[in-house]
């Protein structure tokens, strides 16, 4: 399961694990937030015994600060440290972090080397990349060998440019070229929406796939990818949704309302909710209201 800012919380990670996800990640964590002991950032470091193996994903532009943050992540339970050099969001780019590092190969390699040295073999260090900053660029093909020389253990490529954001089609021909050029594993990300797509990418020579938006409202996509298992009946989907809801509420309380609004449309698209059910859940303003609605939805399915 790929890291997704604002989404891959502990309850989300447990949900996808129930359906076969082999490795999960935290949300993207600010290295500066850790360095300056930001209380909100500290919440992203929480992980439980059922979270392993888990990667902690960091972003930052200062090698020393990112390396320091990696040490904190190890203490918090990280099994893997992933450095984000892919995020296309402007507020991240303007700090010189995320996908901005694709245009700053020296700094990118310095960050990777500093983190590898800081963890001193206690965990693998990986990097998440895009093909380039601008459409048509394949900057990653020049940057990736530098990162491998710096000691990273694997690379994940979201095969779009940063300026594409999530539009268009992921160009996994670049992923295949990257996998062929490197001795370390390459993980493919982008448009991994079903078993056929997964198999096509794996046939291109990559070692694994990372599922991102396809898992939103559809945690059973992992069973589909791994075993060809058809989507579960609606009753089981609703049961999973209710379990997920309960775990979110246990963790976030009333803050669950805003968090879950990101996901109700996704559960509708997966066929778990009807349009009217999703719209009712979107309008709910309290956890109690959500609980009543979900109980009613489940009762109609029983």
C-alpha atoms as a PDB file:
ATOM      1  CA  UNK A   1       0.000   0.000   0.000  1.00  0.00           C
ATOM      2  CA  UNK A   2       1.537   3.273  -1.126  1.00  0.00           C
ATOM      3  CA  UNK A   3       1.721   6.160   1.342  1.00  0.00           C
ATOM      4  CA  UNK A   4      -1.083   8.690   0.832  1.00  0.00           C
ATOM      5  CA  UNK A   5      -1.046  12.024   2.643  1.00  0.00           C
ATOM      6  CA  UNK A   6      -4.090  12.454   4.851  1.00  0.00           C
ATOM      7  CA  UNK A   7      -5.284   8.891   4.259  1.00  0.00           C
ATOM      8  CA  UNK A   8      -2.954   6.035   5.249  1.00  0.00           C
ATOM      9  CA  UNK A   9      -3.739   6.248   8.955  1.00  0.00           C
ATOM     10  CA  UNK A  10      -3.480   3.212  11.283  1.00  0.00           C
ATOM     11  CA  UNK A  11      -7.142   2.192  10.701  1.00  0.00           C
ATOM     12  CA  UNK A  12      -6.689   2.487   6.931  1.00  0.00           C
ATOM     13  CA  UNK A  13      -3.535   0.382   7.101  1.00  0.00           C
ATOM     14  CA  UNK A  14      -5.280  -2.318   9.135  1.00  0.00           C
ATOM     15  CA  UNK A  15      -8.125  -2.399   6.628  1.00  0.00           C
ATOM     16  CA  UNK A  16      -5.903  -3.039   3.594  1.00  0.00           C
ATOM     17  CA  UNK A  17      -3.866  -5.570   5.564  1.00  0.00           C
ATOM     18  CA  UNK A  18      -7.024  -7.585   6.177  1.00  0.00           C
ATOM     19  CA  UNK A  19      -7.265  -7.997   2.400  1.00  0.00           C
ATOM     20  CA  UNK A  20      -3.642  -8.914   1.742  1.00  0.00           C
ATOM     21  CA  UNK A  21      -1.465  -5.784   1.594  1.00  0.00           C
ATOM     22  CA  UNK A  22       2.060  -6.995   2.296  1.00  0.00           C
ATOM     23  CA  UNK A  23       3.722  -3.691   3.156  1.00  0.00           C
ATOM     24  CA  UNK A  24       2.036  -0.527   4.369  1.00  0.00           C
ATOM     25  CA  UNK A  25       3.309   3.031   4.819  1.00  0.00           C
ATOM     26  CA  UNK A  26       2.569   5.960   7.042  1.00  0.00           C
ATOM     27  CA  UNK A  27       1.313   9.186   5.637  1.00  0.00           C
ATOM     28  CA  UNK A  28       4.048  11.462   4.284  1.00  0.00           C
ATOM     29  CA  UNK A  29       5.838  12.927   7.319  1.00  0.00           C
ATOM     30  CA  UNK A  30       7.652  16.258   7.440  1.00  0.00           C
ATOM     31  CA  UNK A  31      11.257  15.854   8.577  1.00  0.00           C
ATOM     32  CA  UNK A  32      11.175  19.468   9.743  1.00  0.00           C
ATOM     33  CA  UNK A  33       8.022  18.708  11.735  1.00  0.00           C
ATOM     34  CA  UNK A  34       9.907  15.970  13.566  1.00  0.00           C
ATOM     35  CA  UNK A  35      12.972  18.188  14.034  1.00  0.00           C
ATOM     36  CA  UNK A  36      10.907  20.989  15.570  1.00  0.00           C
ATOM     37  CA  UNK A  37       8.782  18.535  17.591  1.00  0.00           C
ATOM     38  CA  UNK A  38       5.498  19.532  16.008  1.00  0.00           C
ATOM     39  CA  UNK A  39       2.674  17.878  17.933  1.00  0.00           C
ATOM     40  CA  UNK A  40       0.601  17.102  14.828  1.00  0.00           C
ATOM     41  CA  UNK A  41       3.596  15.554  13.084  1.00  0.00           C
ATOM     42  CA  UNK A  42       4.193  13.308  16.089  1.00  0.00           C
ATOM     43  CA  UNK A  43       0.762  11.752  15.508  1.00  0.00           C
ATOM     44  CA  UNK A  44       1.973  10.355  12.178  1.00  0.00           C
ATOM     45  CA  UNK A  45       4.618   8.307  13.996  1.00  0.00           C
ATOM     46  CA  UNK A  46       2.095   6.087  15.756  1.00  0.00           C
ATOM     47  CA  UNK A  47       2.135   2.450  14.766  1.00  0.00           C
ATOM     48  CA  UNK A  48       0.970  -0.687  16.504  1.00  0.00           C
ATOM     49  CA  UNK A  49       2.107  -4.327  16.634  1.00  0.00           C
ATOM     50  CA  UNK A  50      -0.223  -5.206  13.758  1.00  0.00           C
ATOM     51  CA  UNK A  51       1.328  -2.547  11.517  1.00  0.00           C
ATOM     52  CA  UNK A  52       4.494  -4.432  10.631  1.00  0.00           C
ATOM     53  CA  UNK A  53       6.163  -4.449   8.227  1.00  0.00           C
ATOM     54  CA  UNK A  54       5.704  -0.709   7.852  1.00  0.00           C
ATOM     55  CA  UNK A  55       7.555   1.997   5.967  1.00  0.00           C
ATOM     56  CA  UNK A  56       7.764   5.531   7.331  1.00  0.00           C
ATOM     57  CA  UNK A  57       7.841   8.066   4.497  1.00  0.00           C
ATOM     58  CA  UNK A  58       9.736  11.320   5.055  1.00  0.00           C
ATOM     59  CA  UNK A  59      10.009  14.500   3.031  1.00  0.00           C
ATOM     60  CA  UNK A  60      12.477  17.331   3.432  1.00  0.00           C
ATOM     61  CA  UNK A  61      15.240  19.245   1.690  1.00  0.00           C
ATOM     62  CA  UNK A  62      17.960  19.368   4.362  1.00  0.00           C
ATOM     63  CA  UNK A  63      20.080  16.200   4.466  1.00  0.00           C
ATOM     64  CA  UNK A  64      20.922  16.535   8.157  1.00  0.00           C
ATOM     65  CA  UNK A  65      17.316  17.122   9.203  1.00  0.00           C
ATOM     66  CA  UNK A  66      15.966  14.247   7.104  1.00  0.00           C
ATOM     67  CA  UNK A  67      18.675  11.969   8.523  1.00  0.00           C
ATOM     68  CA  UNK A  68      17.790  13.015  12.066  1.00  0.00           C
ATOM     69  CA  UNK A  69      14.109  12.361  11.369  1.00  0.00           C
ATOM     70  CA  UNK A  70      14.933   8.897  10.036  1.00  0.00           C
ATOM     71  CA  UNK A  71      16.483   8.035  13.389  1.00  0.00           C
ATOM     72  CA  UNK A  72      13.314   9.136  15.175  1.00  0.00           C
ATOM     73  CA  UNK A  73      11.241   6.982  12.811  1.00  0.00           C
ATOM     74  CA  UNK A  74      13.364   3.948  13.637  1.00  0.00           C
ATOM     75  CA  UNK A  75      12.746   4.524  17.332  1.00  0.00           C
ATOM     76  CA  UNK A  76       9.006   4.757  16.587  1.00  0.00           C
ATOM     77  CA  UNK A  77       9.020   1.328  14.944  1.00  0.00           C
ATOM     78  CA  UNK A  78       9.836   1.838  11.262  1.00  0.00           C
ATOM     79  CA  UNK A  79      10.879  -1.292   9.377  1.00  0.00           C
ATOM     80  CA  UNK A  80      11.780   0.778   6.322  1.00  0.00           C
ATOM     81  CA  UNK A  81      12.531   4.454   5.663  1.00  0.00           C
ATOM     82  CA  UNK A  82      11.142   5.877   2.414  1.00  0.00           C
ATOM     83  CA  UNK A  83      12.230   9.297   1.171  1.00  0.00           C
ATOM     84  CA  UNK A  84       9.642  11.180  -0.861  1.00  0.00           C
ATOM     85  CA  UNK A  85      11.067  12.736  -4.016  1.00  0.00           C
ATOM     86  CA  UNK A  86       7.732  12.565  -5.836  1.00  0.00           C
ATOM     87  CA  UNK A  87       5.206  14.836  -4.130  1.00  0.00           C
ATOM     88  CA  UNK A  88       3.919  17.434  -6.649  1.00  0.00           C
ATOM     89  CA  UNK A  89       2.109  19.676  -4.147  1.00  0.00           C
ATOM     90  CA  UNK A  90       3.225  23.307  -4.366  1.00  0.00           C
ATOM     91  CA  UNK A  91       3.758  23.868  -0.646  1.00  0.00           C
ATOM     92  CA  UNK A  92       6.174  20.924  -0.633  1.00  0.00           C
ATOM     93  CA  UNK A  93       7.909  21.907  -3.883  1.00  0.00           C
ATOM     94  CA  UNK A  94       8.596  25.456  -2.736  1.00  0.00           C
ATOM     95  CA  UNK A  95      10.664  24.111   0.177  1.00  0.00           C
ATOM     96  CA  UNK A  96      12.893  22.219  -2.252  1.00  0.00           C
ATOM     97  CA  UNK A  97      11.480  18.854  -1.157  1.00  0.00           C
ATOM     98  CA  UNK A  98       9.328  16.251  -2.897  1.00  0.00           C
ATOM     99  CA  UNK A  99       9.488  16.273  -6.687  1.00  0.00           C
ATOM    100  CA  UNK A 100      11.643  19.430  -6.619  1.00  0.00           C
ATOM    101  CA  UNK A 101      14.570  17.127  -5.841  1.00  0.00           C
ATOM    102  CA  UNK A 102      14.291  15.642  -9.330  1.00  0.00           C
ATOM    103  CA  UNK A 103      15.799  18.918 -10.557  1.00  0.00           C
ATOM    104  CA  UNK A 104      18.443  18.946  -7.798  1.00  0.00           C
ATOM    105  CA  UNK A 105      20.297  15.640  -8.178  1.00  0.00           C
ATOM    106  CA  UNK A 106      23.230  16.581  -5.948  1.00  0.00           C
ATOM    107  CA  UNK A 107      20.964  17.463  -3.021  1.00  0.00           C
ATOM    108  CA  UNK A 108      18.813  14.394  -3.687  1.00  0.00           C
ATOM    109  CA  UNK A 109      21.847  12.104  -3.503  1.00  0.00           C
ATOM    110  CA  UNK A 110      23.116  13.908  -0.399  1.00  0.00           C
ATOM    111  CA  UNK A 111      19.786  13.336   1.365  1.00  0.00           C
ATOM    112  CA  UNK A 112      19.737   9.656   0.424  1.00  0.00           C
ATOM    113  CA  UNK A 113      23.337   9.166   1.582  1.00  0.00           C
ATOM    114  CA  UNK A 114      22.734  10.974   4.861  1.00  0.00           C
ATOM    115  CA  UNK A 115      19.710   8.810   5.649  1.00  0.00           C
ATOM    116  CA  UNK A 116      21.512   5.574   4.727  1.00  0.00           C
ATOM    117  CA  UNK A 117      24.372   6.530   7.021  1.00  0.00           C
ATOM    118  CA  UNK A 118      22.015   7.541   9.820  1.00  0.00           C
ATOM    119  CA  UNK A 119      20.088   4.256   9.872  1.00  0.00           C
ATOM    120  CA  UNK A 120      23.376   2.320   9.642  1.00  0.00           C
ATOM    121  CA  UNK A 121      21.796  -0.838   8.274  1.00  0.00           C
ATOM    122  CA  UNK A 122      18.986  -0.973  10.845  1.00  0.00           C
ATOM    123  CA  UNK A 123      16.401  -0.675   8.057  1.00  0.00           C
ATOM    124  CA  UNK A 124      16.327  -0.464   4.269  1.00  0.00           C
ATOM    125  CA  UNK A 125      16.156   3.033   2.783  1.00  0.00           C
ATOM    126  CA  UNK A 126      14.004   3.494  -0.314  1.00  0.00           C
ATOM    127  CA  UNK A 127      13.025   6.470  -2.462  1.00  0.00           C
ATOM    128  CA  UNK A 128       9.727   7.382  -4.138  1.00  0.00           C
ATOM    129  CA  UNK A 129      10.173   9.194  -7.468  1.00  0.00           C
ATOM    130  CA  UNK A 130       8.313  10.613 -10.455  1.00  0.00           C
ATOM    131  CA  UNK A 131       9.542  10.414 -14.054  1.00  0.00           C
ATOM    132  CA  UNK A 132      10.457  14.101 -13.989  1.00  0.00           C
ATOM    133  CA  UNK A 133       9.088  17.474 -13.030  1.00  0.00           C
ATOM    134  CA  UNK A 134       7.636  18.330 -16.450  1.00  0.00           C
ATOM    135  CA  UNK A 135       5.657  16.257 -18.948  1.00  0.00           C
ATOM    136  CA  UNK A 136       7.901  14.193 -21.203  1.00  0.00           C
ATOM    137  CA  UNK A 137      10.946  14.348 -18.956  1.00  0.00           C
ATOM    138  CA  UNK A 138      12.705  11.158 -17.858  1.00  0.00           C
ATOM    139  CA  UNK A 139      14.974  12.769 -15.285  1.00  0.00           C
ATOM    140  CA  UNK A 140      14.545   9.719 -13.086  1.00  0.00           C
ATOM    141  CA  UNK A 141      16.749   7.660 -15.407  1.00  0.00           C
ATOM    142  CA  UNK A 142      19.711   9.921 -14.617  1.00  0.00           C
ATOM    143  CA  UNK A 143      18.931  10.463 -10.946  1.00  0.00           C
ATOM    144  CA  UNK A 144      18.219   6.863  -9.953  1.00  0.00           C
ATOM    145  CA  UNK A 145      21.810   5.553 -10.370  1.00  0.00           C
ATOM    146  CA  UNK A 146      23.038   8.367  -8.101  1.00  0.00           C
ATOM    147  CA  UNK A 147      20.584   7.272  -5.436  1.00  0.00           C
ATOM    148  CA  UNK A 148      21.671   3.647  -5.748  1.00  0.00           C
ATOM    149  CA  UNK A 149      25.308   4.734  -5.430  1.00  0.00           C
ATOM    150  CA  UNK A 150      24.250   6.584  -2.267  1.00  0.00           C
ATOM    151  CA  UNK A 151      23.103   3.276  -0.816  1.00  0.00           C
ATOM    152  CA  UNK A 152      19.318   3.081  -1.259  1.00  0.00           C
ATOM    153  CA  UNK A 153      17.890  -0.433  -1.321  1.00  0.00           C
ATOM    154  CA  UNK A 154      14.967   0.049  -3.721  1.00  0.00           C
ATOM    155  CA  UNK A 155      13.109   2.691  -5.705  1.00  0.00           C
ATOM    156  CA  UNK A 156       9.408   3.260  -6.330  1.00  0.00           C
ATOM    157  CA  UNK A 157       8.404   5.078  -9.499  1.00  0.00           C
ATOM    158  CA  UNK A 158       5.061   6.791  -9.913  1.00  0.00           C
ATOM    159  CA  UNK A 159       5.288   6.904 -13.683  1.00  0.00           C
ATOM    160  CA  UNK A 160       3.880  10.396 -14.209  1.00  0.00           C
ATOM    161  CA  UNK A 161       5.582  13.758 -14.170  1.00  0.00           C
ATOM    162  CA  UNK A 162       5.023  16.087 -11.235  1.00  0.00           C
ATOM    163  CA  UNK A 163       3.110  18.572 -13.382  1.00  0.00           C
ATOM    164  CA  UNK A 164       0.678  15.836 -14.410  1.00  0.00           C
ATOM    165  CA  UNK A 165      -0.326  15.389 -10.777  1.00  0.00           C
ATOM    166  CA  UNK A 166      -2.680  12.381 -11.127  1.00  0.00           C
ATOM    167  CA  UNK A 167      -3.941  13.121 -14.644  1.00  0.00           C
ATOM    168  CA  UNK A 168      -3.274  11.200 -17.804  1.00  0.00           C
ATOM    169  CA  UNK A 169      -1.838   7.702 -18.001  1.00  0.00           C
ATOM    170  CA  UNK A 170       1.169   6.432 -16.083  1.00  0.00           C
ATOM    171  CA  UNK A 171       4.005   5.664 -18.514  1.00  0.00           C
ATOM    172  CA  UNK A 172       5.313   2.333 -17.264  1.00  0.00           C
ATOM    173  CA  UNK A 173       7.637   2.016 -20.222  1.00  0.00           C
ATOM    174  CA  UNK A 174       9.861   4.321 -18.156  1.00  0.00           C
ATOM    175  CA  UNK A 175       9.406   2.034 -15.147  1.00  0.00           C
ATOM    176  CA  UNK A 176      10.568  -0.919 -17.226  1.00  0.00           C
ATOM    177  CA  UNK A 177      13.607   0.996 -18.468  1.00  0.00           C
ATOM    178  CA  UNK A 178      14.474   1.907 -14.899  1.00  0.00           C
ATOM    179  CA  UNK A 179      14.128  -1.682 -13.706  1.00  0.00           C
ATOM    180  CA  UNK A 180      16.360  -2.915 -16.531  1.00  0.00           C
ATOM    181  CA  UNK A 181      19.055  -0.349 -15.722  1.00  0.00           C
ATOM    182  CA  UNK A 182      19.327  -0.950 -11.978  1.00  0.00           C
ATOM    183  CA  UNK A 183      20.412  -3.837  -9.777  1.00  0.00           C
ATOM    184  CA  UNK A 184      18.113  -2.836  -6.909  1.00  0.00           C
ATOM    185  CA  UNK A 185      14.382  -3.633  -6.927  1.00  0.00           C
ATOM    186  CA  UNK A 186      12.057  -1.193  -8.666  1.00  0.00           C
ATOM    187  CA  UNK A 187       8.438  -0.871  -7.521  1.00  0.00           C
ATOM    188  CA  UNK A 188       5.811   0.388  -9.966  1.00  0.00           C
ATOM    189  CA  UNK A 189       3.162   2.891  -8.903  1.00  0.00           C
ATOM    190  CA  UNK A 190       0.425   4.541 -10.925  1.00  0.00           C
ATOM    191  CA  UNK A 191      -2.724   3.090 -12.515  1.00  0.00           C
ATOM    192  CA  UNK A 192      -2.424  -0.248 -10.690  1.00  0.00           C
ATOM    193  CA  UNK A 193      -6.187  -0.645 -10.715  1.00  0.00           C
ATOM    194  CA  UNK A 194      -6.677  -4.362 -11.323  1.00  0.00           C
ATOM    195  CA  UNK A 195      -5.003  -7.712 -11.849  1.00  0.00           C
ATOM    196  CA  UNK A 196      -4.476  -7.231 -15.594  1.00  0.00           C
ATOM    197  CA  UNK A 197      -2.722  -3.904 -15.046  1.00  0.00           C
ATOM    198  CA  UNK A 198      -0.636  -5.444 -12.293  1.00  0.00           C
ATOM    199  CA  UNK A 199       0.469  -8.358 -14.456  1.00  0.00           C
ATOM    200  CA  UNK A 200       1.384  -6.078 -17.374  1.00  0.00           C
ATOM    201  CA  UNK A 201       3.638  -3.981 -15.168  1.00  0.00           C
ATOM    202  CA  UNK A 202       5.264  -7.007 -13.550  1.00  0.00           C
ATOM    203  CA  UNK A 203       5.965  -8.461 -16.984  1.00  0.00           C
ATOM    204  CA  UNK A 204       7.928  -5.272 -17.667  1.00  0.00           C
ATOM    205  CA  UNK A 205      10.556  -6.362 -15.150  1.00  0.00           C
ATOM    206  CA  UNK A 206       9.626  -4.585 -11.937  1.00  0.00           C
ATOM    207  CA  UNK A 207       9.833  -6.368  -8.605  1.00  0.00           C
ATOM    208  CA  UNK A 208       6.544  -5.265  -7.048  1.00  0.00           C
ATOM    209  CA  UNK A 209       3.648  -2.871  -7.382  1.00  0.00           C
ATOM    210  CA  UNK A 210       2.428  -0.182  -5.012  1.00  0.00           C
ATOM    211  CA  UNK A 211      -1.319   0.400  -4.962  1.00  0.00           C
ATOM    212  CA  UNK A 212      -2.469   3.934  -4.232  1.00  0.00           C
ATOM    213  CA  UNK A 213      -5.837   5.502  -5.111  1.00  0.00           C
ATOM    214  CA  UNK A 214      -7.248   2.181  -6.351  1.00  0.00           C
ATOM    215  CA  UNK A 215      -7.436   1.055  -2.705  1.00  0.00           C
ATOM    216  CA  UNK A 216      -9.560   4.006  -1.583  1.00  0.00           C
ATOM    217  CA  UNK A 217     -12.984   2.630  -0.727  1.00  0.00           C
ATOM    218  CA  UNK A 218     -11.814  -0.701  -2.140  1.00  0.00           C
ATOM    219  CA  UNK A 219      -9.387  -2.407   0.269  1.00  0.00           C
ATOM    220  CA  UNK A 220     -10.256  -5.782  -1.266  1.00  0.00           C
ATOM    221  CA  UNK A 221      -8.323  -4.740  -4.379  1.00  0.00           C
ATOM    222  CA  UNK A 222      -5.323  -6.485  -2.793  1.00  0.00           C
ATOM    223  CA  UNK A 223      -7.124  -9.838  -2.805  1.00  0.00           C
ATOM    224  CA  UNK A 224      -8.038  -9.214  -6.450  1.00  0.00           C
ATOM    225  CA  UNK A 225      -4.411  -8.447  -7.365  1.00  0.00           C
ATOM    226  CA  UNK A 226      -2.850 -11.284  -5.405  1.00  0.00           C
ATOM    227  CA  UNK A 227      -5.232 -14.151  -6.060  1.00  0.00           C
ATOM    228  CA  UNK A 228      -7.687 -13.025  -8.711  1.00  0.00           C
ATOM    229  CA  UNK A 229     -10.376 -13.069  -6.022  1.00  0.00           C
ATOM    230  CA  UNK A 230     -13.551 -11.381  -7.280  1.00  0.00           C
ATOM    231  CA  UNK A 231     -14.920  -8.434  -5.304  1.00  0.00           C
ATOM    232  CA  UNK A 232     -16.750  -9.597  -2.167  1.00  0.00           C
ATOM    233  CA  UNK A 233     -20.537  -9.410  -1.943  1.00  0.00           C
ATOM    234  CA  UNK A 234     -21.984  -6.082  -0.872  1.00  0.00           C
ATOM    235  CA  UNK A 235     -22.811  -7.405   2.608  1.00  0.00           C
ATOM    236  CA  UNK A 236     -19.144  -8.147   3.257  1.00  0.00           C
ATOM    237  CA  UNK A 237     -18.068  -4.784   1.855  1.00  0.00           C
ATOM    238  CA  UNK A 238     -20.478  -3.016   4.208  1.00  0.00           C
ATOM    239  CA  UNK A 239     -19.184  -5.112   7.119  1.00  0.00           C
ATOM    240  CA  UNK A 240     -15.627  -4.056   6.302  1.00  0.00           C
ATOM    241  CA  UNK A 241     -16.734  -0.446   6.034  1.00  0.00           C
ATOM    242  CA  UNK A 242     -18.412  -0.566   9.450  1.00  0.00           C
ATOM    243  CA  UNK A 243     -15.334  -2.148  11.031  1.00  0.00           C
ATOM    244  CA  UNK A 244     -13.119   0.500   9.445  1.00  0.00           C
ATOM    245  CA  UNK A 245     -15.482   3.230  10.651  1.00  0.00           C
ATOM    246  CA  UNK A 246     -15.314   1.922  14.220  1.00  0.00           C
ATOM    247  CA  UNK A 247     -11.520   1.877  14.187  1.00  0.00           C
ATOM    248  CA  UNK A 248     -11.358   5.398  12.757  1.00  0.00           C
ATOM    249  CA  UNK A 249     -13.680   6.675  15.488  1.00  0.00           C
ATOM    250  CA  UNK A 250     -11.625   4.946  18.180  1.00  0.00           C
ATOM    251  CA  UNK A 251      -8.553   6.780  16.914  1.00  0.00           C
ATOM    252  CA  UNK A 252      -9.905  10.188  15.893  1.00  0.00           C
ATOM    253  CA  UNK A 253     -13.195  10.759  17.706  1.00  0.00           C
ATOM    254  CA  UNK A 254     -15.237  13.577  16.155  1.00  0.00           C
ATOM    255  CA  UNK A 255     -12.381  14.358  13.769  1.00  0.00           C
ATOM    256  CA  UNK A 256     -13.474  11.181  11.995  1.00  0.00           C
ATOM    257  CA  UNK A 257     -16.268  13.104  10.260  1.00  0.00           C
ATOM    258  CA  UNK A 258     -13.909  15.197   8.140  1.00  0.00           C
ATOM    259  CA  UNK A 259     -11.492  12.352   7.494  1.00  0.00           C
ATOM    260  CA  UNK A 260     -14.223  10.011   6.260  1.00  0.00           C
ATOM    261  CA  UNK A 261     -15.700  12.611   3.893  1.00  0.00           C
ATOM    262  CA  UNK A 262     -12.709  11.913   1.655  1.00  0.00           C
ATOM    263  CA  UNK A 263     -13.757   8.274   1.400  1.00  0.00           C
ATOM    264  CA  UNK A 264     -17.558   8.125   1.131  1.00  0.00           C
ATOM    265  CA  UNK A 265     -17.474   8.869  -2.647  1.00  0.00           C
ATOM    266  CA  UNK A 266     -14.837   6.165  -3.057  1.00  0.00           C
ATOM    267  CA  UNK A 267     -17.004   3.596  -1.293  1.00  0.00           C
ATOM    268  CA  UNK A 268     -19.834   4.624  -3.605  1.00  0.00           C
ATOM    269  CA  UNK A 269     -17.671   4.053  -6.689  1.00  0.00           C
ATOM    270  CA  UNK A 270     -16.714   0.600  -5.426  1.00  0.00           C
ATOM    271  CA  UNK A 271     -20.400  -0.355  -5.155  1.00  0.00           C
ATOM    272  CA  UNK A 272     -20.389  -0.525  -1.370  1.00  0.00           C
ATOM    273  CA  UNK A 273     -22.734   2.469  -1.046  1.00  0.00           C
ATOM    274  CA  UNK A 274     -25.479   3.797  -3.265  1.00  0.00           C
ATOM    275  CA  UNK A 275     -25.392   7.414  -4.373  1.00  0.00           C
ATOM    276  CA  UNK A 276     -28.065   8.434  -1.877  1.00  0.00           C
ATOM    277  CA  UNK A 277     -26.309   6.613   0.969  1.00  0.00           C
ATOM    278  CA  UNK A 278     -23.000   8.297   0.178  1.00  0.00           C
ATOM    279  CA  UNK A 279     -24.683  11.699  -0.034  1.00  0.00           C
ATOM    280  CA  UNK A 280     -26.343  11.169   3.359  1.00  0.00           C
ATOM    281  CA  UNK A 281     -23.012  10.224   4.911  1.00  0.00           C
ATOM    282  CA  UNK A 282     -21.368  13.288   3.351  1.00  0.00           C
ATOM    283  CA  UNK A 283     -23.982  15.527   4.997  1.00  0.00           C
ATOM    284  CA  UNK A 284     -23.583  13.979   8.453  1.00  0.00           C
ATOM    285  CA  UNK A 285     -21.923  16.294  10.969  1.00  0.00           C
ATOM    286  CA  UNK A 286     -21.342  14.009  13.962  1.00  0.00           C
ATOM    287  CA  UNK A 287     -20.005  10.541  14.627  1.00  0.00           C
ATOM    288  CA  UNK A 288     -23.371   9.590  16.107  1.00  0.00           C
ATOM    289  CA  UNK A 289     -25.131  10.537  12.879  1.00  0.00           C
ATOM    290  CA  UNK A 290     -22.664   8.464  10.874  1.00  0.00           C
ATOM    291  CA  UNK A 291     -23.138   5.474  13.153  1.00  0.00           C
ATOM    292  CA  UNK A 292     -26.933   5.626  12.801  1.00  0.00           C
ATOM    293  CA  UNK A 293     -26.681   5.847   9.018  1.00  0.00           C
ATOM    294  CA  UNK A 294     -24.231   2.951   8.747  1.00  0.00           C
ATOM    295  CA  UNK A 295     -26.357   0.773  11.012  1.00  0.00           C
ATOM    296  CA  UNK A 296     -29.344   1.497   8.787  1.00  0.00           C
ATOM    297  CA  UNK A 297     -27.352   0.658   5.642  1.00  0.00           C
ATOM    298  CA  UNK A 298     -26.162  -2.619   7.165  1.00  0.00           C
ATOM    299  CA  UNK A 299     -29.684  -3.555   8.287  1.00  0.00           C
ATOM    300  CA  UNK A 300     -30.986  -3.202   4.752  1.00  0.00           C
ATOM    301  CA  UNK A 301     -28.288  -5.586   3.526  1.00  0.00           C
ATOM    302  CA  UNK A 302     -28.963  -8.269   6.164  1.00  0.00           C
END
